[in-house]
PDB file of N, CA and C in Angstrom:
ATOM      1  N   MET A   1     -14.932   2.109  13.618  1.00  0.00           N
ATOM      2  CA  MET A   1     -14.003   1.753  12.557  1.00  0.00           C
ATOM      3  C   MET A   1     -13.143   0.570  13.002  1.00  0.00           C
ATOM      4  N   LYS A   2     -12.943  -0.354  12.120  1.00  0.00           N
ATOM      5  CA  LYS A   2     -12.165  -1.547  12.410  1.00  0.00           C
ATOM      6  C   LYS A   2     -10.676  -1.233  12.319  1.00  0.00           C
ATOM      7  N   ASN A   3      -9.932  -1.575  13.375  1.00  0.00           N
ATOM      8  CA  ASN A   3      -8.485  -1.409  13.345  1.00  0.00           C
ATOM      9  C   ASN A   3      -7.854  -2.582  12.617  1.00  0.00           C
ATOM     10  N   LYS A   4      -6.775  -2.297  11.878  1.00  0.00           N
ATOM     11  CA  LYS A   4      -6.036  -3.347  11.191  1.00  0.00           C
ATOM     12  C   LYS A   4      -4.624  -3.383  11.740  1.00  0.00           C
ATOM     13  N   PHE A   5      -4.269  -4.512  12.312  1.00  0.00           N
ATOM     14  CA  PHE A   5      -2.920  -4.725  12.820  1.00  0.00           C
ATOM     15  C   PHE A   5      -2.168  -5.624  11.855  1.00  0.00           C
ATOM     16  N   VAL A   6      -0.914  -5.279  11.611  1.00  0.00           N
ATOM     17  CA  VAL A   6      -0.033  -6.135  10.831  1.00  0.00           C
ATOM     18  C   VAL A   6       1.189  -6.398  11.690  1.00  0.00           C
ATOM     19  N   ILE A   7       1.531  -7.666  11.834  1.00  0.00           N
ATOM     20  CA  ILE A   7       2.704  -8.060  12.601  1.00  0.00           C
ATOM     21  C   ILE A   7       3.728  -8.629  11.630  1.00  0.00           C
ATOM     22  N   TYR A   8       4.900  -8.026  11.645  1.00  0.00           N
ATOM     23  CA  TYR A   8       6.022  -8.478  10.817  1.00  0.00           C
ATOM     24  C   TYR A   8       6.917  -9.304  11.730  1.00  0.00           C
ATOM     25  N   ASP A   9       6.865 -10.619  11.547  1.00  0.00           N
ATOM     26  CA  ASP A   9       7.545 -11.560  12.431  1.00  0.00           C
ATOM     27  C   ASP A   9       8.981 -11.839  12.004  1.00  0.00           C
ATOM     28  N   PRO A  10       9.815 -12.192  12.986  1.00  0.00           N
ATOM     29  CA  PRO A  10      11.172 -12.643  12.666  1.00  0.00           C
ATOM     30  C   PRO A  10      11.115 -14.055  12.084  1.00  0.00           C
ATOM     31  N   PRO A  11      12.251 -14.584  11.645  1.00  0.00           N
ATOM     32  CA  PRO A  11      12.255 -15.961  11.142  1.00  0.00           C
ATOM     33  C   PRO A  11      11.797 -16.927  12.238  1.00  0.00           C
ATOM     34  N   MET A  12      10.893 -17.838  11.876  1.00  0.00           N
ATOM     35  CA  MET A  12      10.405 -18.862  12.806  1.00  0.00           C
ATOM     36  C   MET A  12      10.243 -20.167  12.049  1.00  0.00           C
ATOM     37  N   CYS A  13      10.043 -21.230  12.790  1.00  0.00           N
ATOM     38  CA  CYS A  13       9.928 -22.546  12.166  1.00  0.00           C
ATOM     39  C   CYS A  13       8.604 -22.757  11.437  1.00  0.00           C
ATOM     40  N   CYS A  14       7.569 -21.999  11.830  1.00  0.00           N
ATOM     41  CA  CYS A  14       6.268 -22.115  11.178  1.00  0.00           C
ATOM     42  C   CYS A  14       5.552 -20.773  11.271  1.00  0.00           C
ATOM     43  N   SER A  15       4.395 -20.670  10.670  1.00  0.00           N
ATOM     44  CA  SER A  15       3.719 -19.373  10.582  1.00  0.00           C
ATOM     45  C   SER A  15       3.323 -18.779  11.927  1.00  0.00           C
ATOM     46  N   SER A  16       3.053 -19.610  12.928  1.00  0.00           N
ATOM     47  CA  SER A  16       2.675 -19.075  14.238  1.00  0.00           C
ATOM     48  C   SER A  16       3.842 -19.074  15.217  1.00  0.00           C
ATOM     49  N   GLY A  17       4.851 -19.886  14.957  1.00  0.00           N
ATOM     50  CA  GLY A  17       5.960 -20.028  15.882  1.00  0.00           C
ATOM     51  C   GLY A  17       5.638 -20.956  17.042  1.00  0.00           C
ATOM     52  N   VAL A  18       4.397 -21.437  17.098  1.00  0.00           N
ATOM     53  CA  VAL A  18       3.963 -22.311  18.187  1.00  0.00           C
ATOM     54  C   VAL A  18       4.022 -23.745  17.677  1.00  0.00           C
ATOM     55  N   CYS A  19       5.232 -24.263  17.593  1.00  0.00           N
ATOM     56  CA  CYS A  19       5.421 -25.615  17.092  1.00  0.00           C
ATOM     57  C   CYS A  19       6.701 -26.173  17.709  1.00  0.00           C
ATOM     58  N   GLY A  20       6.977 -27.397  17.418  1.00  0.00           N
ATOM     59  CA  GLY A  20       8.169 -28.029  17.958  1.00  0.00           C
ATOM     60  C   GLY A  20       7.977 -28.456  19.401  1.00  0.00           C
ATOM     61  N   PRO A  21       8.999 -29.075  19.983  1.00  0.00           N
ATOM     62  CA  PRO A  21       8.872 -29.626  21.329  1.00  0.00           C
ATOM     63  C   PRO A  21       8.818 -28.568  22.439  1.00  0.00           C
ATOM     64  N   ASN A  22       9.377 -27.391  22.198  1.00  0.00           N
ATOM     65  CA  ASN A  22       9.412 -26.339  23.218  1.00  0.00           C
ATOM     66  C   ASN A  22       8.968 -25.001  22.644  1.00  0.00           C
ATOM     67  N   PRO A  23       7.669 -24.831  22.371  1.00  0.00           N
ATOM     68  CA  PRO A  23       7.216 -23.555  21.803  1.00  0.00           C
ATOM     69  C   PRO A  23       7.436 -22.405  22.788  1.00  0.00           C
ATOM     70  N   ASP A  24       7.726 -21.246  22.251  1.00  0.00           N
ATOM     71  CA  ASP A  24       7.960 -20.045  23.033  1.00  0.00           C
ATOM     72  C   ASP A  24       6.649 -19.604  23.695  1.00  0.00           C
ATOM     73  N   GLN A  25       6.677 -19.440  25.010  1.00  0.00           N
ATOM     74  CA  GLN A  25       5.473 -19.050  25.742  1.00  0.00           C
ATOM     75  C   GLN A  25       4.944 -17.698  25.265  1.00  0.00           C
ATOM     76  N   ALA A  26       5.820 -16.790  24.865  1.00  0.00           N
ATOM     77  CA  ALA A  26       5.377 -15.479  24.366  1.00  0.00           C
ATOM     78  C   ALA A  26       4.525 -15.638  23.118  1.00  0.00           C
ATOM     79  N   LEU A  27       4.862 -16.616  22.271  1.00  0.00           N
ATOM     80  CA  LEU A  27       4.091 -16.848  21.054  1.00  0.00           C
ATOM     81  C   LEU A  27       2.754 -17.515  21.356  1.00  0.00           C
ATOM     82  N   ILE A  28       2.733 -18.362  22.366  1.00  0.00           N
ATOM     83  CA  ILE A  28       1.468 -18.965  22.795  1.00  0.00           C
ATOM     84  C   ILE A  28       0.552 -17.870  23.327  1.00  0.00           C
ATOM     85  N   ASN A  29       1.103 -16.985  24.151  1.00  0.00           N
ATOM     86  CA  ASN A  29       0.328 -15.866  24.694  1.00  0.00           C
ATOM     87  C   ASN A  29      -0.167 -14.959  23.570  1.00  0.00           C
ATOM     88  N   LEU A  30       0.686 -14.736  22.564  1.00  0.00           N
ATOM     89  CA  LEU A  30       0.302 -13.884  21.442  1.00  0.00           C
ATOM     90  C   LEU A  30      -0.900 -14.473  20.718  1.00  0.00           C
ATOM     91  N   GLN A  31      -0.911 -15.780  20.497  1.00  0.00           N
ATOM     92  CA  GLN A  31      -2.040 -16.411  19.814  1.00  0.00           C
ATOM     93  C   GLN A  31      -3.346 -16.121  20.561  1.00  0.00           C
ATOM     94  N   ASP A  32      -3.312 -16.247  21.887  1.00  0.00           N
ATOM     95  CA  ASP A  32      -4.502 -15.962  22.706  1.00  0.00           C
ATOM     96  C   ASP A  32      -4.888 -14.487  22.595  1.00  0.00           C
ATOM     97  N   THR A  33      -3.902 -13.617  22.653  1.00  0.00           N
ATOM     98  CA  THR A  33      -4.150 -12.176  22.564  1.00  0.00           C
ATOM     99  C   THR A  33      -4.764 -11.810  21.227  1.00  0.00           C
ATOM    100  N   LEU A  34      -4.230 -12.360  20.145  1.00  0.00           N
ATOM    101  CA  LEU A  34      -4.749 -12.044  18.817  1.00  0.00           C
ATOM    102  C   LEU A  34      -6.189 -12.511  18.661  1.00  0.00           C
ATOM    103  N   GLU A  35      -6.508 -13.653  19.243  1.00  0.00           N
ATOM    104  CA  GLU A  35      -7.891 -14.137  19.196  1.00  0.00           C
ATOM    105  C   GLU A  35      -8.812 -13.153  19.931  1.00  0.00           C
ATOM    106  N   LYS A  36      -8.360 -12.637  21.057  1.00  0.00           N
ATOM    107  CA  LYS A  36      -9.166 -11.681  21.825  1.00  0.00           C
ATOM    108  C   LYS A  36      -9.390 -10.383  21.054  1.00  0.00           C
ATOM    109  N   ILE A  37      -8.338  -9.871  20.406  1.00  0.00           N
ATOM    110  CA  ILE A  37      -8.539  -8.600  19.696  1.00  0.00           C
ATOM    111  C   ILE A  37      -9.351  -8.800  18.418  1.00  0.00           C
ATOM    112  N   ARG A  38      -9.257  -9.975  17.820  1.00  0.00           N
ATOM    113  CA  ARG A  38     -10.143 -10.275  16.676  1.00  0.00           C
ATOM    114  C   ARG A  38     -11.599 -10.266  17.136  1.00  0.00           C
ATOM    115  N   ASN A  39     -11.842 -10.831  18.322  1.00  0.00           N
ATOM    116  CA  ASN A  39     -13.199 -10.842  18.875  1.00  0.00           C
ATOM    117  C   ASN A  39     -13.686  -9.435  19.211  1.00  0.00           C
ATOM    118  N   MET A  40     -12.747  -8.490  19.365  1.00  0.00           N
ATOM    119  CA  MET A  40     -13.099  -7.088  19.617  1.00  0.00           C
ATOM    120  C   MET A  40     -13.362  -6.353  18.295  1.00  0.00           C
ATOM    121  N   GLY A  41     -13.183  -7.061  17.174  1.00  0.00           N
ATOM    122  CA  GLY A  41     -13.461  -6.466  15.875  1.00  0.00           C
ATOM    123  C   GLY A  41     -12.238  -6.029  15.087  1.00  0.00           C
ATOM    124  N   ALA A  42     -11.048  -6.259  15.627  1.00  0.00           N
ATOM    125  CA  ALA A  42      -9.826  -5.863  14.917  1.00  0.00           C
ATOM    126  C   ALA A  42      -9.465  -6.914  13.867  1.00  0.00           C
ATOM    127  N   GLU A  43      -8.813  -6.449  12.830  1.00  0.00           N
ATOM    128  CA  GLU A  43      -8.289  -7.337  11.785  1.00  0.00           C
ATOM    129  C   GLU A  43      -6.801  -7.515  12.050  1.00  0.00           C
ATOM    130  N   VAL A  44      -6.292  -8.726  11.862  1.00  0.00           N
ATOM    131  CA  VAL A  44      -4.882  -9.010  12.125  1.00  0.00           C
ATOM    132  C   VAL A  44      -4.294  -9.787  10.951  1.00  0.00           C
ATOM    133  N   GLU A  45      -3.130  -9.333  10.488  1.00  0.00           N
ATOM    134  CA  GLU A  45      -2.351 -10.066   9.491  1.00  0.00           C
ATOM    135  C   GLU A  45      -0.958 -10.258  10.057  1.00  0.00           C
ATOM    136  N   ARG A  46      -0.349 -11.396   9.746  1.00  0.00           N
ATOM    137  CA  ARG A  46       1.025 -11.659  10.178  1.00  0.00           C
ATOM    138  C   ARG A  46       1.843 -12.080   8.967  1.00  0.00           C
ATOM    139  N   TYR A  47       3.075 -11.579   8.925  1.00  0.00           N
ATOM    140  CA  TYR A  47       3.990 -11.929   7.850  1.00  0.00           C
ATOM    141  C   TYR A  47       5.318 -12.381   8.431  1.00  0.00           C
ATOM    142  N   LEU A  48       5.772 -13.540   8.020  1.00  0.00           N
ATOM    143  CA  LEU A  48       7.098 -14.036   8.384  1.00  0.00           C
ATOM    144  C   LEU A  48       8.098 -13.523   7.370  1.00  0.00           C
ATOM    145  N   ILE A  49       9.214 -13.045   7.839  1.00  0.00           N
ATOM    146  CA  ILE A  49      10.220 -12.501   6.929  1.00  0.00           C
ATOM    147  C   ILE A  49      10.704 -13.573   5.944  1.00  0.00           C
ATOM    148  N   THR A  50      10.730 -14.830   6.376  1.00  0.00           N
ATOM    149  CA  THR A  50      11.211 -15.905   5.501  1.00  0.00           C
ATOM    150  C   THR A  50      10.152 -16.409   4.530  1.00  0.00           C
ATOM    151  N   GLN A  51       8.869 -16.222   4.853  1.00  0.00           N
ATOM    152  CA  GLN A  51       7.813 -16.731   3.994  1.00  0.00           C
ATOM    153  C   GLN A  51       7.127 -15.649   3.159  1.00  0.00           C
ATOM    154  N   SER A  52       7.182 -14.407   3.624  1.00  0.00           N
ATOM    155  CA  SER A  52       6.512 -13.307   2.908  1.00  0.00           C
ATOM    156  C   SER A  52       7.434 -12.094   2.792  1.00  0.00           C
ATOM    157  N   PRO A  53       8.611 -12.263   2.183  1.00  0.00           N
ATOM    158  CA  PRO A  53       9.551 -11.135   2.121  1.00  0.00           C
ATOM    159  C   PRO A  53       8.992  -9.925   1.371  1.00  0.00           C
ATOM    160  N   GLN A  54       8.090 -10.160   0.432  1.00  0.00           N
ATOM    161  CA  GLN A  54       7.548  -9.037  -0.342  1.00  0.00           C
ATOM    162  C   GLN A  54       6.741  -8.093   0.543  1.00  0.00           C
ATOM    163  N   ALA A  55       6.048  -8.634   1.539  1.00  0.00           N
ATOM    164  CA  ALA A  55       5.279  -7.778   2.458  1.00  0.00           C
ATOM    165  C   ALA A  55       6.211  -6.822   3.195  1.00  0.00           C
ATOM    166  N   PHE A  56       7.414  -7.281   3.513  1.00  0.00           N
ATOM    167  CA  PHE A  56       8.407  -6.430   4.166  1.00  0.00           C
ATOM    168  C   PHE A  56       8.922  -5.388   3.173  1.00  0.00           C
ATOM    169  N   LYS A  57       9.245  -5.840   1.960  1.00  0.00           N
ATOM    170  CA  LYS A  57       9.788  -4.939   0.933  1.00  0.00           C
ATOM    171  C   LYS A  57       8.788  -3.864   0.527  1.00  0.00           C
ATOM    172  N   ASP A  58       7.496  -4.175   0.611  1.00  0.00           N
ATOM    173  CA  ASP A  58       6.459  -3.225   0.197  1.00  0.00           C
ATOM    174  C   ASP A  58       6.226  -2.095   1.201  1.00  0.00           C
ATOM    175  N   ASN A  59       6.845  -2.188   2.387  1.00  0.00           N
ATOM    176  CA  ASN A  59       6.646  -1.179   3.417  1.00  0.00           C
ATOM    177  C   ASN A  59       7.982  -0.499   3.729  1.00  0.00           C
ATOM    178  N   PRO A  60       8.194   0.725   3.217  1.00  0.00           N
ATOM    179  CA  PRO A  60       9.470   1.407   3.415  1.00  0.00           C
ATOM    180  C   PRO A  60       9.846   1.623   4.884  1.00  0.00           C
ATOM    181  N   GLU A  61       8.868   1.825   5.746  1.00  0.00           N
ATOM    182  CA  GLU A  61       9.155   2.029   7.171  1.00  0.00           C
ATOM    183  C   GLU A  61       9.692   0.746   7.805  1.00  0.00           C
ATOM    184  N   ILE A  62       9.150  -0.380   7.420  1.00  0.00           N
ATOM    185  CA  ILE A  62       9.625  -1.664   7.935  1.00  0.00           C
ATOM    186  C   ILE A  62      11.057  -1.911   7.467  1.00  0.00           C
ATOM    187  N   ILE A  63      11.313  -1.664   6.205  1.00  0.00           N
ATOM    188  CA  ILE A  63      12.672  -1.835   5.668  1.00  0.00           C
ATOM    189  C   ILE A  63      13.651  -0.916   6.386  1.00  0.00           C
ATOM    190  N   ARG A  64      13.255   0.339   6.620  1.00  0.00           N
ATOM    191  CA  ARG A  64      14.132   1.290   7.316  1.00  0.00           C
ATOM    192  C   ARG A  64      14.469   0.786   8.719  1.00  0.00           C
ATOM    193  N   LEU A  65      13.476   0.320   9.448  1.00  0.00           N
ATOM    194  CA  LEU A  65      13.715  -0.175  10.808  1.00  0.00           C
ATOM    195  C   LEU A  65      14.653  -1.381  10.807  1.00  0.00           C
ATOM    196  N   ILE A  66      14.474  -2.273   9.857  1.00  0.00           N
ATOM    197  CA  ILE A  66      15.350  -3.450   9.782  1.00  0.00           C
ATOM    198  C   ILE A  66      16.759  -3.043   9.382  1.00  0.00           C
ATOM    199  N   GLN A  67      16.889  -2.084   8.473  1.00  0.00           N
ATOM    200  CA  GLN A  67      18.227  -1.618   8.088  1.00  0.00           C
ATOM    201  C   GLN A  67      18.944  -0.967   9.271  1.00  0.00           C
ATOM    202  N   GLU A  68      18.197  -0.236  10.089  1.00  0.00           N
ATOM    203  CA  GLU A  68      18.792   0.446  11.237  1.00  0.00           C
ATOM    204  C   GLU A  68      19.085  -0.501  12.400  1.00  0.00           C
ATOM    205  N   GLN A  69      18.181  -1.443  12.664  1.00  0.00           N
ATOM    206  CA  GLN A  69      18.285  -2.274  13.871  1.00  0.00           C
ATOM    207  C   GLN A  69      18.510  -3.758  13.584  1.00  0.00           C
ATOM    208  N   GLN A  70      18.619  -4.121  12.321  1.00  0.00           N
ATOM    209  CA  GLN A  70      18.701  -5.512  11.880  1.00  0.00           C
ATOM    210  C   GLN A  70      17.501  -6.289  12.438  1.00  0.00           C
ATOM    211  N   LEU A  71      17.689  -7.569  12.705  1.00  0.00           N
ATOM    212  CA  LEU A  71      16.569  -8.404  13.134  1.00  0.00           C
ATOM    213  C   LEU A  71      16.099  -8.079  14.552  1.00  0.00           C
ATOM    214  N   LYS A  72      16.867  -7.251  15.290  1.00  0.00           N
ATOM    215  CA  LYS A  72      16.434  -6.837  16.633  1.00  0.00           C
ATOM    216  C   LYS A  72      15.152  -6.023  16.572  1.00  0.00           C
ATOM    217  N   ALA A  73      14.856  -5.428  15.421  1.00  0.00           N
ATOM    218  CA  ALA A  73      13.631  -4.639  15.266  1.00  0.00           C
ATOM    219  C   ALA A  73      12.387  -5.522  15.262  1.00  0.00           C
ATOM    220  N   LEU A  74      12.568  -6.790  14.909  1.00  0.00           N
ATOM    221  CA  LEU A  74      11.434  -7.704  14.787  1.00  0.00           C
ATOM    222  C   LEU A  74      11.081  -8.339  16.119  1.00  0.00           C
ATOM    223  N   PRO A  75       9.838  -8.579  16.385  1.00  0.00           N
ATOM    224  CA  PRO A  75       8.689  -8.305  15.546  1.00  0.00           C
ATOM    225  C   PRO A  75       8.351  -6.810  15.517  1.00  0.00           C
ATOM    226  N   ILE A  76       7.728  -6.403  14.433  1.00  0.00           N
ATOM    227  CA  ILE A  76       7.243  -5.025  14.293  1.00  0.00           C
ATOM    228  C   ILE A  76       5.731  -5.104  14.140  1.00  0.00           C
ATOM    229  N   THR A  77       5.030  -4.290  14.906  1.00  0.00           N
ATOM    230  CA  THR A  77       3.567  -4.267  14.838  1.00  0.00           C
ATOM    231  C   THR A  77       3.114  -2.905  14.351  1.00  0.00           C
ATOM    232  N   THR A  78       2.214  -2.924  13.371  1.00  0.00           N
ATOM    233  CA  THR A  78       1.614  -1.675  12.903  1.00  0.00           C
ATOM    234  C   THR A  78       0.116  -1.704  13.194  1.00  0.00           C
ATOM    235  N   CYS A  79      -0.428  -0.527  13.402  1.00  0.00           N
ATOM    236  CA  CYS A  79      -1.874  -0.366  13.571  1.00  0.00           C
ATOM    237  C   CYS A  79      -2.311   0.671  12.557  1.00  0.00           C
ATOM    238  N   ASP A  80      -3.160   0.262  11.653  1.00  0.00           N
ATOM    239  CA  ASP A  80      -3.657   1.139  10.596  1.00  0.00           C
ATOM    240  C   ASP A  80      -2.515   1.819   9.847  1.00  0.00           C
ATOM    241  N   GLY A  81      -1.449   1.030   9.602  1.00  0.00           N
ATOM    242  CA  GLY A  81      -0.317   1.495   8.813  1.00  0.00           C
ATOM    243  C   GLY A  81       0.776   2.212   9.582  1.00  0.00           C
ATOM    244  N   LYS A  82       0.569   2.485  10.861  1.00  0.00           N
ATOM    245  CA  LYS A  82       1.557   3.203  11.665  1.00  0.00           C
ATOM    246  C   LYS A  82       2.257   2.226  12.612  1.00  0.00           C
ATOM    247  N   VAL A  83       3.594   2.291  12.656  1.00  0.00           N
ATOM    248  CA  VAL A  83       4.350   1.429  13.561  1.00  0.00           C
ATOM    249  C   VAL A  83       4.013   1.811  15.001  1.00  0.00           C
ATOM    250  N   VAL A  84       3.586   0.794  15.784  1.00  0.00           N
ATOM    251  CA  VAL A  84       3.224   1.049  17.180  1.00  0.00           C
ATOM    252  C   VAL A  84       4.130   0.323  18.166  1.00  0.00           C
ATOM    253  N   LYS A  85       4.874  -0.703  17.708  1.00  0.00           N
ATOM    254  CA  LYS A  85       5.797  -1.399  18.608  1.00  0.00           C
ATOM    255  C   LYS A  85       6.826  -2.154  17.793  1.00  0.00           C
ATOM    256  N   THR A  86       8.069  -2.147  18.300  1.00  0.00           N
ATOM    257  CA  THR A  86       9.146  -2.897  17.669  1.00  0.00           C
ATOM    258  C   THR A  86       9.871  -3.717  18.738  1.00  0.00           C
ATOM    259  N   GLY A  87      10.480  -4.823  18.300  1.00  0.00           N
ATOM    260  CA  GLY A  87      11.333  -5.612  19.178  1.00  0.00           C
ATOM    261  C   GLY A  87      10.631  -6.567  20.118  1.00  0.00           C
ATOM    262  N   ALA A  88       9.324  -6.509  20.216  1.00  0.00           N
ATOM    263  CA  ALA A  88       8.540  -7.409  21.074  1.00  0.00           C
ATOM    264  C   ALA A  88       7.085  -7.354  20.633  1.00  0.00           C
ATOM    265  N   TYR A  89       6.350  -8.375  20.990  1.00  0.00           N
ATOM    266  CA  TYR A  89       4.928  -8.390  20.662  1.00  0.00           C
ATOM    267  C   TYR A  89       4.153  -7.558  21.678  1.00  0.00           C
ATOM    268  N   PRO A  90       3.137  -6.831  21.219  1.00  0.00           N
ATOM    269  CA  PRO A  90       2.312  -6.072  22.156  1.00  0.00           C
ATOM    270  C   PRO A  90       1.532  -7.000  23.093  1.00  0.00           C
ATOM    271  N   THR A  91       1.293  -6.514  24.284  1.00  0.00           N
ATOM    272  CA  THR A  91       0.440  -7.219  25.235  1.00  0.00           C
ATOM    273  C   THR A  91      -1.017  -6.935  24.890  1.00  0.00           C
ATOM    274  N   LEU A  92      -1.917  -7.656  25.511  1.00  0.00           N
ATOM    275  CA  LEU A  92      -3.342  -7.399  25.301  1.00  0.00           C
ATOM    276  C   LEU A  92      -3.674  -5.964  25.694  1.00  0.00           C
ATOM    277  N   LYS A  93      -3.123  -5.508  26.801  1.00  0.00           N
ATOM    278  CA  LYS A  93      -3.377  -4.137  27.264  1.00  0.00           C
ATOM    279  C   LYS A  93      -2.892  -3.114  26.224  1.00  0.00           C
ATOM    280  N   GLU A  94      -1.724  -3.357  25.623  1.00  0.00           N
ATOM    281  CA  GLU A  94      -1.217  -2.455  24.588  1.00  0.00           C
ATOM    282  C   GLU A  94      -2.130  -2.473  23.362  1.00  0.00           C
ATOM    283  N   PHE A  95      -2.544  -3.664  22.939  1.00  0.00           N
ATOM    284  CA  PHE A  95      -3.462  -3.737  21.797  1.00  0.00           C
ATOM    285  C   PHE A  95      -4.735  -2.956  22.093  1.00  0.00           C
ATOM    286  N   GLU A  96      -5.273  -3.105  23.295  1.00  0.00           N
ATOM    287  CA  GLU A  96      -6.490  -2.385  23.667  1.00  0.00           C
ATOM    288  C   GLU A  96      -6.274  -0.877  23.601  1.00  0.00           C
ATOM    289  N   THR A  97      -5.094  -0.407  24.002  1.00  0.00           N
ATOM    290  CA  THR A  97      -4.763   1.016  23.919  1.00  0.00           C
ATOM    291  C   THR A  97      -4.740   1.473  22.472  1.00  0.00           C
ATOM    292  N   PHE A  98      -4.134   0.678  21.607  1.00  0.00           N
ATOM    293  CA  PHE A  98      -4.073   1.033  20.184  1.00  0.00           C
ATOM    294  C   PHE A  98      -5.477   1.074  19.577  1.00  0.00           C
ATOM    295  N   ILE A  99      -6.337   0.150  19.987  1.00  0.00           N
ATOM    296  CA  ILE A  99      -7.690   0.088  19.465  1.00  0.00           C
ATOM    297  C   ILE A  99      -8.495   1.308  19.905  1.00  0.00           C
ATOM    298  N   ASN A 100      -8.280   1.750  21.118  1.00  0.00           N
ATOM    299  CA  ASN A 100      -9.076   2.850  21.679  1.00  0.00           C
ATOM    300  C   ASN A 100      -8.587   4.229  21.294  1.00  0.00           C
ATOM    301  N   LYS A 101      -7.532   4.325  20.491  1.00  0.00           N
ATOM    302  CA  LYS A 101      -7.027   5.653  20.086  1.00  0.00           C
ATOM    303  C   LYS A 101      -7.906   6.248  19.017  1.00  0.00           C
TER     304      LYS A 101
END
């Protein structure tokens, strides 16, 4: 069965966050990680709070986490609809764990 990951991103300058003169190394690493898990057969969607607010509003759990923790909750990662990590992006090892569950 194909796993579906959804990442709810904090506000960034562009859809990947890997832009400008000093891109965040964590976001560069995330791009590589996402490519690897896609190659493992996982599906990945990303939503920026500033560009896709409806995706956030459509998920009551995401709204609850943001109401409780404000933007500190972001990024939020879900796997097959279940929140698996908040406040930071998962590592490749974490994604592999989520896939193998």
